[in-house]
Structures are given as C-alpha cells and as structure tokens.
Amino acid sequence: MSSKPKHVGFVYCYESLYSLLFYWGAITFRLHHLQTTPQRVIYALSIRIFFIGGFVTGVYIKLSDAQMSQAMFSHLSPVVKIIFSWECVCCIITYIEYCLLLDTQRRRHIRLLANMQLLDTQISAAFPFVNWRYHRTRGKYWYGTVGITFLYLVITLTLMFDTTRCSCGFLSTLVIACSYTLVTSTLGLFSFIHIGLMDYLRVRFRLVMKLLRQLYAATSVTATERELQLDLLFAFAKRGSWLVQELNETVGTLAAAGMFYDFTHMTGFVYVVCQKLLHQEPWDTQYAFLTLHLAVHIYKLIMTCVYGYILQREKRNCMHLLSACGAHFKQIPQIQCRIECFQHWCMHNKHTTTIGKKTPLNLSMLYVVFNGLANYVIVLVQLLFQLQQKDKQSMPKDVEIIKS
C-alpha cells in the first residue's frame, strides 16, 4: 500500500479538489469529515449569496449610472447585448442549480465516495500485493486542475475588465469580474471532479483485467484458490459496474447542466468572435482572451466526453474478458457454472456512462454539441448579415428618389 497510511485512498486523491468546492460554497461537507454542521451550511449560503448578490449588485450599479452604462454598453451591438445578458442569466441559473442539486444529493454523493473507497479497501484485502499509487492520481488531478483553474481565473478577469470598460466605476467592475469568475470557475471545477471520478473507476476496471491475466499465468495456485480469486474478480467487476450507475445517478444531472451551459457559452462567444472577424476589426487583446476563454470550455467538454468513452470502453473490455475466461479454466467445472452466472448478470446489467437520465456520454456527444453549436452560430451570422444589409440600404427620411 501507500507509504503514507494517514493519507490513502479516495480522500488523499481528491480531498484538495473537494476542499476548493467547499471554500467556494458549492458543498457543505469535507472528505475527511463528511458530516454537515450548521456552521458549514451558514458559510456555504453566505458564499453563494456573496457571489450572486455581488454580480447582480455590480450590474445594477453599472446600469443605474449613465456614464458607466454608456462606457459598458455603447460599443456592443444589440445582438451581443442579448448574448451577454443570456450568458449572465444562464451562468447564475446553472450555479443555483448546481448548489441545489449538490445539497439535495449530498447523502447520495457521500455514499458514492465512501463506496469508491470501500472498493479499494476490499481489493487490497483480497490482493495484498496491489500497490496503489495514490500520489500519482493526486498529482495528476490536483496540479492539473489548479493550473487550468488559475489560467481560467486570469483569462476571465482580464476579459471581464476589457468587456465592461473599467475606465469608470472600477469597484463595480471588480465586483462583477470577481463574482462572474468565481461562479463559472465553480461550474468548471465540478466538471473536472466528474472527470476524475470516471478515471478513478476506469483504473479499477483495468486493474481487474490485469489481475485476471496474472491469474492465467499463475502456476503455483490451486484450483480452489483460482475459484476463490475468480469469484472476487467477478464481485469487483460487478461492484465497479454498480458504481458507474451510481455515478450517473448522482452527478449525471449536474454534468448535463454543465454541458448545456458550456454549449450556450460557446455559442455566444463564437458568434462574438465571428462578428469581429466579419467587421474586419483589428486584432486586439479581446480576440486573444475570447479565444483562450473558449479554448478552456472546449477542452473541458472534450475531456469529459473522452473520459466517458474511455470508462465505457474499459468496462466493456473488462466484462468481455471475464465472460470469456472459461477457455482458460476448462478443467474446473465449478468455474464454468460461475462464468455462466456472470454472463447472465452482464446481459441484464449493461451500465454505461450517461449524463442527464439516459443520454450516453461518449465521443458522439462531441458531434451533437459541435453540430448544434455550428447550426446556431450560422443562424446568428445570417442575422448579422441581414442587419448589415439593412443598415446599408437604409436612407434618410428626407431623401426621395425621383425616377425620370
């Protein structure tokens, strides 16, 4: 096992990420202390009110002052104003939905995390030679997520300062920028936690396959020991499949809400970039930060779909390998009966990674999202062309064309 007995398993791998969610007010529990206290509830509610209230208050101050309102909105076209307004409303609604779902699903979420740790404990008890490399998993997700989050914070803050034209009303601009950045960062952080949970299960299915191959190659194992170890591998595979289903039911709705927000966000921002290109505006910092902002959302979307596909593939390979292991144990009739039972179980328990209720989370989801994104952007660009043609064809009312 690990050389750090006080920090092993799921808590050691993901405690830092869940701590960020806790400090940002999204959840009311910690991995090392799962119970929710009144103080934690009050803290979470205070942070949520501060984020949402700060953003709404900052926008209200901007709108209530003629000079600040002119500086913030005068350079935006009507369509872009609608897009930015919808983006603000959508991110707040999604954030509230995240918080409500995490509160209502708190017990189920805690049970999912405890069962993931229990799976590792049972595997370690059955196969003591398994050496868990938890420090690699922790480093992979902690440093990667923190790096991406820091990059996103810098990009979003800069973009918001540039968009709101902070030449006047610096304090309200700072409140808007910080509130929006932290709200959207919370949404993105949970998406990376979802990716981490899927990868956690993917590694467990791969471990079961590796243990089965070692069982094939073992020569000093008696028939009774083979039968016992194979039963354990069947049980671990079933438990992993059940955890996939639990993961879907616990965070599937959250993942769907986050993906819908990414879709609406990318649609609006891609249109803004297209508008700047069609107007042949000179390249400036706003181009760069809009593109980088889009790149983070696209990266998150791609990684979510890729890990959903990889988890589903590893699970399918694991179940297929266990179902076909009878060819290696023909000399043990008792094992053949257990394999048939496992095959029957697999026929009735085809769990796959999903978002929402039943929408598969795989590479085809990328096509659905990007196809919808392209269609909506095309419609918005056509609207932009129509507005440009209308502006070119418009004439002063006091001018009359006389045909000779």
Protein backbone atom coordinates (compact mmCIF):
# COMPACT_ATOMS: atom_id res chain seq x y z
CA MET A 1 0.00 0.00 0.00
CA SER A 2 0.97 3.65 0.22
CA SER A 3 3.86 4.85 2.31
CA LYS A 4 1.50 7.41 3.88
CA PRO A 5 -1.00 5.42 5.92
CA LYS A 6 -2.77 8.53 7.16
CA HIS A 7 -3.47 9.72 3.62
CA VAL A 8 -4.62 6.83 1.48
CA GLY A 9 -7.40 6.17 -0.95
CA PHE A 10 -10.02 8.49 -2.26
CA VAL A 11 -9.59 11.11 0.45
CA TYR A 12 -5.90 11.56 -0.35
CA CYS A 13 -6.55 11.75 -4.12
CA TYR A 14 -9.46 14.18 -4.22
CA GLU A 15 -9.60 15.97 -0.87
CA SER A 16 -7.98 19.12 -2.28
CA LEU A 17 -10.47 19.40 -5.15
CA TYR A 18 -13.44 18.93 -2.85
CA SER A 19 -11.90 21.47 -0.47
CA LEU A 20 -11.99 24.05 -3.26
CA LEU A 21 -15.67 23.27 -3.81
CA PHE A 22 -16.26 23.70 -0.10
CA TYR A 23 -14.39 27.02 0.15
CA TRP A 24 -16.31 28.31 -2.88
CA GLY A 25 -19.60 27.44 -1.18
CA ALA A 26 -20.78 24.69 -3.53
CA ILE A 27 -20.84 21.85 -0.96
CA THR A 28 -21.30 21.65 2.81
CA PHE A 29 -19.02 18.70 3.62
CA ARG A 30 -15.32 17.80 3.58
CA LEU A 31 -13.92 14.43 2.55
CA HIS A 32 -12.06 13.94 5.83
CA HIS A 33 -15.16 14.97 7.80
CA LEU A 34 -18.30 14.12 5.86
CA GLN A 35 -20.89 15.38 8.31
CA THR A 36 -22.57 18.71 7.63
CA THR A 37 -22.68 21.17 10.53
CA PRO A 38 -24.81 24.34 10.87
CA GLN A 39 -21.64 26.43 10.64
CA ARG A 40 -20.75 24.87 7.29
CA VAL A 41 -24.27 25.44 5.96
CA ILE A 42 -24.16 29.10 7.01
CA TYR A 43 -20.73 29.50 5.42
CA ALA A 44 -21.87 27.93 2.12
CA LEU A 45 -25.03 30.08 1.98
CA SER A 46 -23.00 33.21 2.73
CA ILE A 47 -20.56 32.49 -0.11
CA ARG A 48 -23.40 31.78 -2.55
CA ILE A 49 -25.22 34.98 -1.62
CA PHE A 50 -21.95 36.91 -1.93
CA PHE A 51 -21.25 35.52 -5.42
CA ILE A 52 -24.75 36.03 -6.83
CA GLY A 53 -25.52 39.21 -4.90
CA GLY A 54 -22.17 40.75 -5.81
CA PHE A 55 -22.67 40.09 -9.50
CA VAL A 56 -26.25 41.42 -9.56
CA THR A 57 -25.30 44.46 -7.46
CA GLY A 58 -22.36 45.29 -9.71
CA VAL A 59 -24.51 45.14 -12.84
CA TYR A 60 -27.21 47.25 -11.16
CA ILE A 61 -24.67 49.93 -10.24
CA LYS A 62 -23.43 49.98 -13.83
CA LEU A 63 -26.95 50.35 -15.22
CA SER A 64 -28.03 52.99 -12.71
CA ASP A 65 -25.18 55.35 -13.62
CA ALA A 66 -25.46 56.92 -17.10
CA GLN A 67 -21.71 57.35 -17.59
CA MET A 68 -20.81 53.79 -16.53
CA SER A 69 -23.70 52.35 -18.55
CA GLN A 70 -22.54 54.26 -21.63
CA ALA A 71 -18.97 53.04 -21.20
CA MET A 72 -20.06 49.43 -20.72
CA PHE A 73 -22.77 49.03 -23.39
CA SER A 74 -22.24 51.69 -26.07
CA HIS A 75 -19.69 49.63 -28.03
CA LEU A 76 -21.88 46.48 -28.07
CA SER A 77 -24.34 45.65 -30.84
CA PRO A 78 -27.94 44.71 -29.90
CA VAL A 79 -27.31 41.00 -30.62
CA VAL A 80 -24.15 40.96 -28.49
CA LYS A 81 -26.04 42.67 -25.66
CA ILE A 82 -28.63 39.89 -25.79
CA ILE A 83 -25.89 37.24 -25.86
CA PHE A 84 -24.06 38.68 -22.86
CA SER A 85 -27.34 39.12 -20.97
CA TRP A 86 -28.27 35.50 -21.61
CA GLU A 87 -24.77 34.40 -20.58
CA CYS A 88 -25.15 36.20 -17.25
CA VAL A 89 -28.60 34.75 -16.61
CA CYS A 90 -27.55 31.25 -17.70
CA CYS A 91 -24.43 31.11 -15.51
CA ILE A 92 -26.39 32.26 -12.43
CA ILE A 93 -29.20 29.75 -13.05
CA THR A 94 -26.69 26.94 -13.61
CA TYR A 95 -24.79 27.88 -10.45
CA ILE A 96 -28.00 27.86 -8.39
CA GLU A 97 -28.96 24.51 -9.92
CA TYR A 98 -25.52 23.10 -9.05
CA CYS A 99 -25.81 24.23 -5.44
CA LEU A 100 -29.37 22.90 -5.03
CA LEU A 101 -28.53 19.53 -6.60
CA LEU A 102 -25.37 19.15 -4.53
CA ASP A 103 -27.40 19.91 -1.39
CA THR A 104 -30.26 17.54 -2.21
CA GLN A 105 -27.89 14.78 -3.40
CA ARG A 106 -25.46 15.26 -0.51
CA ARG A 107 -26.13 11.93 1.22
CA ARG A 108 -26.03 10.02 -2.05
CA HIS A 109 -22.84 11.82 -3.06
CA ILE A 110 -21.15 10.94 0.23
CA ARG A 111 -22.29 7.32 -0.11
CA LEU A 112 -20.80 7.17 -3.63
CA LEU A 113 -17.43 8.43 -2.40
CA ALA A 114 -17.46 6.01 0.56
CA ASN A 115 -18.25 3.07 -1.75
CA MET A 116 -15.39 4.03 -4.06
CA GLN A 117 -13.00 3.93 -1.11
CA LEU A 118 -14.57 0.65 0.06
CA LEU A 119 -13.84 -0.94 -3.32
CA ASP A 120 -10.13 -0.17 -2.93
CA THR A 121 -10.15 -1.50 0.63
CA GLN A 122 -11.73 -4.78 -0.49
CA ILE A 123 -9.28 -5.17 -3.39
CA SER A 124 -6.34 -4.56 -1.04
CA ALA A 125 -7.69 -7.16 1.43
CA ALA A 126 -8.11 -9.77 -1.31
CA PHE A 127 -4.88 -8.97 -3.18
CA PRO A 128 -2.32 -7.57 -0.70
CA PHE A 129 0.36 -7.28 -3.38
CA VAL A 130 -1.56 -4.49 -5.15
CA ASN A 131 0.45 -1.29 -4.77
CA TRP A 132 -1.78 1.78 -5.03
CA ARG A 133 -0.06 4.84 -6.47
CA TYR A 134 -2.38 7.40 -4.95
CA HIS A 135 0.24 10.14 -5.06
CA ARG A 136 0.27 9.98 -8.86
CA THR A 137 -3.50 10.26 -9.05
CA ARG A 138 -3.48 13.16 -6.63
CA GLY A 139 -0.74 14.98 -8.51
CA LYS A 140 -2.45 14.35 -11.84
CA TYR A 141 -5.73 15.97 -10.85
CA TRP A 142 -4.67 18.45 -8.21
CA TYR A 143 -1.88 20.20 -10.11
CA GLY A 144 -3.65 19.90 -13.47
CA THR A 145 -6.94 21.26 -12.20
CA VAL A 146 -5.34 24.05 -10.20
CA GLY A 147 -3.24 25.08 -13.20
CA ILE A 148 -6.24 25.19 -15.52
CA THR A 149 -8.35 26.97 -12.88
CA PHE A 150 -5.67 29.63 -12.31
CA LEU A 151 -5.36 30.16 -16.06
CA TYR A 152 -9.14 30.43 -16.37
CA LEU A 153 -9.32 32.94 -13.50
CA VAL A 154 -6.70 35.20 -15.12
CA ILE A 155 -8.32 34.98 -18.57
CA THR A 156 -11.85 35.59 -17.27
CA LEU A 157 -10.87 38.51 -15.03
CA THR A 158 -8.99 40.18 -17.89
CA LEU A 159 -11.84 39.56 -20.33
CA MET A 160 -14.43 40.98 -17.94
CA PHE A 161 -12.35 44.10 -17.30
CA ASP A 162 -11.95 44.57 -21.04
CA THR A 163 -15.64 43.98 -21.79
CA THR A 164 -17.03 46.20 -19.05
CA ARG A 165 -14.64 49.07 -19.95
CA CYS A 166 -13.34 49.78 -16.45
CA SER A 167 -12.36 53.37 -17.28
CA CYS A 168 -15.02 54.41 -14.77
CA GLY A 169 -16.60 52.55 -11.88
CA PHE A 170 -13.56 50.42 -11.09
CA LEU A 171 -15.04 49.00 -7.87
CA SER A 172 -18.26 47.80 -9.53
CA THR A 173 -16.22 46.35 -12.40
CA LEU A 174 -14.03 44.46 -9.90
CA VAL A 175 -17.12 43.06 -8.14
CA ILE A 176 -18.68 41.94 -11.44
CA ALA A 177 -15.45 40.38 -12.69
CA CYS A 178 -14.66 38.51 -9.46
CA SER A 179 -18.22 37.27 -8.94
CA TYR A 180 -18.60 36.04 -12.52
CA THR A 181 -15.17 34.42 -12.50
CA LEU A 182 -15.76 32.51 -9.25
CA VAL A 183 -19.27 31.41 -10.26
CA THR A 184 -18.13 29.99 -13.60
CA SER A 185 -14.97 28.53 -12.03
CA THR A 186 -17.14 26.56 -9.60
CA LEU A 187 -19.07 25.07 -12.52
CA GLY A 188 -15.86 24.12 -14.28
CA LEU A 189 -14.23 22.69 -11.15
CA PHE A 190 -17.03 20.19 -10.61
CA SER A 191 -16.72 19.08 -14.24
CA PHE A 192 -13.07 18.20 -13.62
CA ILE A 193 -14.06 16.33 -10.46
CA HIS A 194 -16.54 14.35 -12.58
CA ILE A 195 -13.68 13.54 -14.97
CA GLY A 196 -11.57 12.42 -12.02
CA LEU A 197 -14.29 10.09 -10.73
CA MET A 198 -14.68 8.49 -14.15
CA ASP A 199 -10.92 7.99 -14.41
CA TYR A 200 -10.89 6.50 -10.90
CA LEU A 201 -13.35 3.81 -12.00
CA ARG A 202 -11.57 3.29 -15.31
CA VAL A 203 -8.36 2.39 -13.49
CA ARG A 204 -10.25 -0.12 -11.30
CA PHE A 205 -11.66 -1.96 -14.34
CA ARG A 206 -8.18 -2.07 -15.85
CA LEU A 207 -6.82 -3.44 -12.57
CA VAL A 208 -9.39 -6.26 -12.59
CA MET A 209 -8.27 -7.21 -16.10
CA LYS A 210 -4.62 -7.16 -15.04
CA LEU A 211 -5.36 -9.37 -12.02
CA LEU A 212 -7.22 -11.81 -14.25
CA ARG A 213 -4.26 -12.06 -16.63
CA GLN A 214 -1.97 -12.69 -13.65
CA LEU A 215 -4.34 -15.46 -12.57
CA TYR A 216 -4.00 -17.01 -16.04
CA ALA A 217 -0.20 -17.02 -15.72
CA ALA A 218 -0.09 -18.28 -12.12
CA THR A 219 1.24 -21.82 -11.82
CA SER A 220 1.50 -22.27 -8.06
CA VAL A 221 -2.21 -21.60 -7.38
CA THR A 222 -4.53 -24.48 -6.52
CA ALA A 223 -7.92 -24.98 -8.17
CA THR A 224 -9.70 -23.83 -5.00
CA GLU A 225 -7.64 -20.65 -4.85
CA ARG A 226 -8.30 -19.97 -8.54
CA GLU A 227 -12.00 -20.39 -7.96
CA LEU A 228 -11.93 -18.06 -4.97
CA GLN A 229 -9.90 -15.35 -6.73
CA LEU A 230 -12.11 -15.52 -9.80
CA ASP A 231 -15.18 -15.09 -7.62
CA LEU A 232 -13.57 -12.00 -6.12
CA LEU A 233 -12.80 -10.56 -9.56
CA PHE A 234 -16.41 -11.16 -10.61
CA ALA A 235 -17.57 -9.36 -7.47
CA PHE A 236 -15.21 -6.41 -8.03
CA ALA A 237 -16.32 -6.06 -11.66
CA LYS A 238 -19.98 -6.09 -10.61
CA ARG A 239 -19.29 -3.53 -7.92
CA GLY A 240 -17.44 -1.32 -10.40
CA SER A 241 -20.38 -1.55 -12.80
CA TRP A 242 -22.76 -0.62 -9.99
CA LEU A 243 -20.54 2.36 -9.12
CA VAL A 244 -20.77 3.55 -12.73
CA GLN A 245 -24.56 3.52 -12.40
CA GLU A 246 -24.35 5.32 -9.05
CA LEU A 247 -22.05 7.92 -10.58
CA ASN A 248 -24.57 8.52 -13.37
CA GLU A 249 -27.47 8.93 -10.97
CA THR A 250 -25.51 11.11 -8.54
CA VAL A 251 -23.78 13.59 -10.85
CA GLY A 252 -25.43 12.90 -14.23
CA THR A 253 -27.87 15.81 -13.92
CA LEU A 254 -25.07 18.12 -12.82
CA ALA A 255 -22.95 17.06 -15.79
CA ALA A 256 -25.85 17.67 -18.17
CA ALA A 257 -26.45 21.14 -16.74
CA GLY A 258 -22.74 21.97 -17.03
CA MET A 259 -22.60 20.74 -20.62
CA PHE A 260 -25.67 22.79 -21.54
CA TYR A 261 -24.03 25.86 -20.03
CA ASP A 262 -20.84 25.17 -22.00
CA PHE A 263 -22.91 24.89 -25.17
CA THR A 264 -24.72 28.20 -24.63
CA HIS A 265 -21.50 29.91 -23.57
CA MET A 266 -19.55 28.71 -26.62
CA THR A 267 -22.41 29.63 -28.98
CA GLY A 268 -22.45 33.21 -27.77
CA PHE A 269 -18.69 33.70 -27.66
CA VAL A 270 -18.08 32.06 -31.05
CA TYR A 271 -20.62 34.47 -32.54
CA VAL A 272 -18.84 37.43 -30.93
CA VAL A 273 -15.55 36.29 -32.50
CA CYS A 274 -17.27 35.80 -35.88
CA GLN A 275 -18.78 39.29 -35.65
CA LYS A 276 -15.38 40.84 -35.03
CA LEU A 277 -13.96 38.92 -37.99
CA LEU A 278 -16.80 39.93 -40.32
CA HIS A 279 -16.50 43.56 -39.30
CA GLN A 280 -12.76 43.27 -40.07
CA GLU A 281 -11.90 44.77 -36.72
CA PRO A 282 -8.18 44.95 -35.93
CA TRP A 283 -6.75 42.18 -33.80
CA ASP A 284 -6.58 43.20 -30.16
CA THR A 285 -6.36 41.63 -26.73
CA GLN A 286 -10.09 40.89 -26.71
CA TYR A 287 -9.60 38.45 -29.61
CA ALA A 288 -6.93 36.60 -27.65
CA PHE A 289 -8.86 36.39 -24.39
CA LEU A 290 -12.13 35.40 -26.10
CA THR A 291 -10.26 32.62 -27.90
CA LEU A 292 -8.49 31.44 -24.75
CA HIS A 293 -11.76 31.53 -22.81
CA LEU A 294 -13.40 29.38 -25.49
CA ALA A 295 -10.40 27.03 -25.51
CA VAL A 296 -10.83 26.23 -21.79
CA HIS A 297 -14.53 25.38 -22.25
CA ILE A 298 -13.81 23.29 -25.36
CA TYR A 299 -11.02 21.45 -23.52
CA LYS A 300 -13.33 20.67 -20.60
CA LEU A 301 -16.07 19.42 -22.95
CA ILE A 302 -13.67 17.23 -24.92
CA MET A 303 -12.09 15.74 -21.79
CA THR A 304 -15.50 14.94 -20.28
CA CYS A 305 -16.64 13.09 -23.41
CA VAL A 306 -13.29 11.34 -23.90
CA TYR A 307 -13.15 10.04 -20.32
CA GLY A 308 -16.78 8.95 -20.54
CA TYR A 309 -15.92 6.96 -23.64
CA ILE A 310 -12.72 5.51 -22.12
CA LEU A 311 -14.56 4.42 -18.96
CA GLN A 312 -17.24 2.74 -21.03
CA ARG A 313 -14.61 1.01 -23.20
CA GLU A 314 -12.61 -0.26 -20.20
CA LYS A 315 -15.76 -1.54 -18.53
CA ARG A 316 -16.85 -3.32 -21.71
CA ASN A 317 -13.40 -4.88 -22.16
CA CYS A 318 -13.33 -5.99 -18.53
CA MET A 319 -16.75 -7.63 -18.73
CA HIS A 320 -15.87 -9.30 -22.03
CA LEU A 321 -12.58 -10.65 -20.66
CA LEU A 322 -14.25 -12.06 -17.56
CA SER A 323 -17.08 -13.57 -19.60
CA ALA A 324 -14.59 -15.27 -21.93
CA CYS A 325 -12.25 -16.62 -19.25
CA GLY A 326 -13.89 -20.06 -19.37
CA ALA A 327 -11.48 -21.09 -22.12
CA HIS A 328 -8.62 -20.88 -19.61
CA PHE A 329 -10.36 -22.94 -16.91
CA LYS A 330 -11.96 -25.79 -18.80
CA GLN A 331 -10.54 -28.28 -16.32
CA ILE A 332 -12.53 -26.76 -13.42
CA PRO A 333 -16.29 -27.40 -13.85
CA GLN A 334 -17.28 -25.23 -10.87
CA ILE A 335 -15.77 -22.17 -12.55
CA GLN A 336 -17.78 -22.78 -15.73
CA CYS A 337 -21.01 -22.51 -13.75
CA ARG A 338 -19.89 -19.23 -12.16
CA ILE A 339 -18.92 -17.81 -15.55
CA GLU A 340 -22.36 -18.62 -16.93
CA CYS A 341 -23.95 -16.83 -13.98
CA PHE A 342 -21.72 -13.82 -14.59
CA GLN A 343 -22.61 -13.78 -18.29
CA HIS A 344 -26.29 -13.86 -17.37
CA TRP A 345 -25.73 -10.95 -14.97
CA CYS A 346 -23.96 -8.94 -17.69
CA MET A 347 -26.89 -9.42 -20.06
CA HIS A 348 -29.23 -7.73 -17.57
CA ASN A 349 -26.86 -5.05 -16.23
CA LYS A 350 -25.46 -3.10 -19.16
CA HIS A 351 -24.47 0.05 -17.30
CA THR A 352 -22.89 2.79 -19.41
CA THR A 353 -21.70 6.30 -18.65
CA THR A 354 -24.51 8.82 -19.13
CA ILE A 355 -25.45 12.42 -18.42
CA GLY A 356 -28.93 13.50 -17.51
CA LYS A 357 -31.14 10.46 -17.33
CA LYS A 358 -30.21 8.28 -20.30
CA THR A 359 -28.03 10.34 -22.66
CA PRO A 360 -24.80 8.40 -23.41
CA LEU A 361 -21.58 10.22 -22.54
CA ASN A 362 -19.14 9.27 -25.29
CA LEU A 363 -17.45 10.70 -28.37
CA SER A 364 -20.75 11.02 -30.22
CA MET A 365 -21.73 13.68 -27.69
CA LEU A 366 -18.96 15.86 -29.13
CA TYR A 367 -20.61 15.66 -32.55
CA VAL A 368 -24.01 16.56 -31.07
CA VAL A 369 -22.63 19.60 -29.23
CA PHE A 370 -20.42 20.95 -32.00
CA ASN A 371 -23.07 20.31 -34.66
CA GLY A 372 -25.61 22.24 -32.62
CA LEU A 373 -23.02 24.96 -31.97
CA ALA A 374 -22.31 25.33 -35.70
CA ASN A 375 -26.02 25.49 -36.58
CA TYR A 376 -26.78 28.20 -34.01
CA VAL A 377 -23.73 30.26 -34.98
CA ILE A 378 -24.72 30.06 -38.66
CA VAL A 379 -28.18 31.37 -37.81
CA LEU A 380 -26.70 34.22 -35.76
CA VAL A 381 -24.23 35.11 -38.53
CA GLN A 382 -27.08 35.18 -41.06
CA LEU A 383 -28.92 37.55 -38.74
CA LEU A 384 -25.78 39.69 -38.62
CA PHE A 385 -25.63 39.83 -42.43
CA GLN A 386 -29.28 40.86 -42.59
CA LEU A 387 -28.68 43.66 -40.10
CA GLN A 388 -25.66 44.85 -42.10
CA GLN A 389 -27.64 44.86 -45.36
CA LYS A 390 -30.47 46.71 -43.67
CA ASP A 391 -28.03 49.36 -42.47
CA LYS A 392 -26.55 49.75 -45.95
CA GLN A 393 -29.96 50.04 -47.62
CA SER A 394 -31.38 52.49 -45.12
CA MET A 395 -31.71 56.11 -46.27
CA PRO A 396 -32.56 59.38 -44.59
CA LYS A 397 -36.30 60.04 -44.48
CA ASP A 398 -35.90 63.45 -46.13
CA VAL A 399 -34.33 61.97 -49.28
CA GLU A 400 -36.64 61.00 -52.13
CA ILE A 401 -35.65 59.08 -55.27
CA ILE A 402 -37.27 60.55 -58.42
CA LYS A 403 -37.39 58.30 -61.48
CA SER A 404 -37.00 60.10 -64.79
